[in-house]
Amino acid sequence: MALLLQQPFFQVTLPLTVVMIVASFTAVWSTNRRVDGLSHGLDDTNRRLDRLETAVDRVNETLLRIEHRLTVLEERYSPFASR
């Protein structure tokens, strides 16, 4: 058995293979954690952007109503308005 463990496969190749497998699993695990963190951050950002879009839509609707009222008043009191 001791002679078998003296072979280059068991001294070099097997330890390198184990190290590569462990490093690969560690890299994949680390990447998955980062992707999960980014995904959570993007969800929060999307939620905030949705609220911002809603607020901008409300401001736009208010401005359109004000513009319409001003147009009506201008047409009503303009000296060039046809009466």
C-alpha atoms as a PDB file:
ATOM      1  CA  MET A   1       0.000   0.000   0.000  1.00  0.00           C
ATOM      2  CA  ALA A   2       2.861   2.387   0.827  1.00  0.00           C
ATOM      3  CA  LEU A   3       4.335   1.722  -2.604  1.00  0.00           C
ATOM      4  CA  LEU A   4       0.991   2.605  -4.194  1.00  0.00           C
ATOM      5  CA  LEU A   5       0.911   5.987  -2.407  1.00  0.00           C
ATOM      6  CA  GLN A   6       4.412   6.749  -3.741  1.00  0.00           C
ATOM      7  CA  GLN A   7       3.060   6.900  -7.301  1.00  0.00           C
ATOM      8  CA  PRO A   8       3.070  10.386  -8.954  1.00  0.00           C
ATOM      9  CA  PHE A   9      -0.714  10.229  -9.399  1.00  0.00           C
ATOM     10  CA  PHE A  10      -1.292  10.149  -5.637  1.00  0.00           C
ATOM     11  CA  GLN A  11       1.461  12.676  -4.879  1.00  0.00           C
ATOM     12  CA  VAL A  12       0.719  15.313  -7.538  1.00  0.00           C
ATOM     13  CA  THR A  13      -2.324  14.751  -9.698  1.00  0.00           C
ATOM     14  CA  LEU A  14      -4.874  13.752  -7.051  1.00  0.00           C
ATOM     15  CA  PRO A  15      -4.113  16.680  -4.686  1.00  0.00           C
ATOM     16  CA  LEU A  16      -4.211  19.145  -7.596  1.00  0.00           C
ATOM     17  CA  THR A  17      -7.527  17.727  -8.772  1.00  0.00           C
ATOM     18  CA  VAL A  18      -9.027  18.011  -5.287  1.00  0.00           C
ATOM     19  CA  VAL A  19      -7.794  21.603  -4.966  1.00  0.00           C
ATOM     20  CA  MET A  20      -9.273  22.504  -8.376  1.00  0.00           C
ATOM     21  CA  ILE A  21     -12.643  20.960  -7.497  1.00  0.00           C
ATOM     22  CA  VAL A  22     -12.799  22.774  -4.157  1.00  0.00           C
ATOM     23  CA  ALA A  23     -11.775  26.057  -5.794  1.00  0.00           C
ATOM     24  CA  SER A  24     -14.436  25.624  -8.495  1.00  0.00           C
ATOM     25  CA  PHE A  25     -17.187  24.943  -5.954  1.00  0.00           C
ATOM     26  CA  THR A  26     -16.055  27.905  -3.863  1.00  0.00           C
ATOM     27  CA  ALA A  27     -16.083  30.218  -6.882  1.00  0.00           C
ATOM     28  CA  VAL A  28     -19.562  29.087  -7.931  1.00  0.00           C
ATOM     29  CA  TRP A  29     -20.895  29.477  -4.392  1.00  0.00           C
ATOM     30  CA  SER A  30     -19.386  32.946  -4.073  1.00  0.00           C
ATOM     31  CA  THR A  31     -20.792  34.009  -7.442  1.00  0.00           C
ATOM     32  CA  ASN A  32     -24.261  32.759  -6.513  1.00  0.00           C
ATOM     33  CA  ARG A  33     -24.168  34.785  -3.308  1.00  0.00           C
ATOM     34  CA  ARG A  34     -23.140  37.913  -5.231  1.00  0.00           C
ATOM     35  CA  VAL A  35     -25.863  37.356  -7.824  1.00  0.00           C
ATOM     36  CA  ASP A  36     -28.459  36.943  -5.068  1.00  0.00           C
ATOM     37  CA  GLY A  37     -27.275  40.168  -3.474  1.00  0.00           C
ATOM     38  CA  LEU A  38     -27.421  42.008  -6.785  1.00  0.00           C
ATOM     39  CA  SER A  39     -30.871  40.610  -7.489  1.00  0.00           C
ATOM     40  CA  HIS A  40     -32.141  41.823  -4.130  1.00  0.00           C
ATOM     41  CA  GLY A  41     -30.615  45.246  -4.768  1.00  0.00           C
ATOM     42  CA  LEU A  42     -32.224  45.435  -8.206  1.00  0.00           C
ATOM     43  CA  ASP A  43     -35.615  44.542  -6.730  1.00  0.00           C
ATOM     44  CA  ASP A  44     -35.310  47.454  -4.300  1.00  0.00           C
ATOM     45  CA  THR A  45     -34.205  49.787  -7.089  1.00  0.00           C
ATOM     46  CA  ASN A  46     -37.101  48.701  -9.313  1.00  0.00           C
ATOM     47  CA  ARG A  47     -39.563  49.314  -6.480  1.00  0.00           C
ATOM     48  CA  ARG A  48     -38.170  52.810  -5.934  1.00  0.00           C
ATOM     49  CA  LEU A  49     -38.254  53.564  -9.648  1.00  0.00           C
ATOM     50  CA  ASP A  50     -41.899  52.442  -9.802  1.00  0.00           C
ATOM     51  CA  ARG A  51     -42.775  54.856  -6.986  1.00  0.00           C
ATOM     52  CA  LEU A  52     -40.853  57.630  -8.733  1.00  0.00           C
ATOM     53  CA  GLU A  53     -42.663  56.926 -12.002  1.00  0.00           C
ATOM     54  CA  THR A  54     -46.019  57.121 -10.223  1.00  0.00           C
ATOM     55  CA  ALA A  55     -45.093  60.459  -8.659  1.00  0.00           C
ATOM     56  CA  VAL A  56     -43.904  61.853 -12.005  1.00  0.00           C
ATOM     57  CA  ASP A  57     -47.159  60.714 -13.651  1.00  0.00           C
ATOM     58  CA  ARG A  58     -49.188  62.538 -10.988  1.00  0.00           C
ATOM     59  CA  VAL A  59     -47.144  65.725 -11.484  1.00  0.00           C
ATOM     60  CA  ASN A  60     -47.591  65.433 -15.259  1.00  0.00           C
ATOM     61  CA  GLU A  61     -51.368  65.027 -14.911  1.00  0.00           C
ATOM     62  CA  THR A  62     -51.525  68.068 -12.628  1.00  0.00           C
ATOM     63  CA  LEU A  63     -49.506  70.136 -15.079  1.00  0.00           C
ATOM     64  CA  LEU A  64     -51.770  69.066 -17.948  1.00  0.00           C
ATOM     65  CA  ARG A  65     -54.863  70.113 -15.959  1.00  0.00           C
ATOM     66  CA  ILE A  66     -53.280  73.502 -15.172  1.00  0.00           C
ATOM     67  CA  GLU A  67     -52.329  73.961 -18.822  1.00  0.00           C
ATOM     68  CA  HIS A  68     -55.892  73.169 -19.883  1.00  0.00           C
ATOM     69  CA  ARG A  69     -57.333  75.679 -17.393  1.00  0.00           C
ATOM     70  CA  LEU A  70     -54.908  78.366 -18.570  1.00  0.00           C
ATOM     71  CA  THR A  71     -55.835  77.690 -22.197  1.00  0.00           C
ATOM     72  CA  VAL A  72     -59.529  77.989 -21.373  1.00  0.00           C
ATOM     73  CA  LEU A  73     -58.949  81.258 -19.503  1.00  0.00           C
ATOM     74  CA  GLU A  74     -56.826  82.665 -22.329  1.00  0.00           C
ATOM     75  CA  GLU A  75     -59.493  81.798 -24.870  1.00  0.00           C
ATOM     76  CA  ARG A  76     -62.219  83.235 -22.703  1.00  0.00           C
ATOM     77  CA  TYR A  77     -60.574  86.578 -21.946  1.00  0.00           C
ATOM     78  CA  SER A  78     -58.483  87.108 -25.068  1.00  0.00           C
ATOM     79  CA  PRO A  79     -59.357  90.252 -27.027  1.00  0.00           C
ATOM     80  CA  PHE A  80     -59.038  88.172 -30.172  1.00  0.00           C
ATOM     81  CA  ALA A  81     -61.501  85.528 -29.052  1.00  0.00           C
ATOM     82  CA  SER A  82     -64.561  85.302 -31.221  1.00  0.00           C
ATOM     83  CA  ARG A  83     -67.657  86.091 -29.211  1.00  0.00           C
END
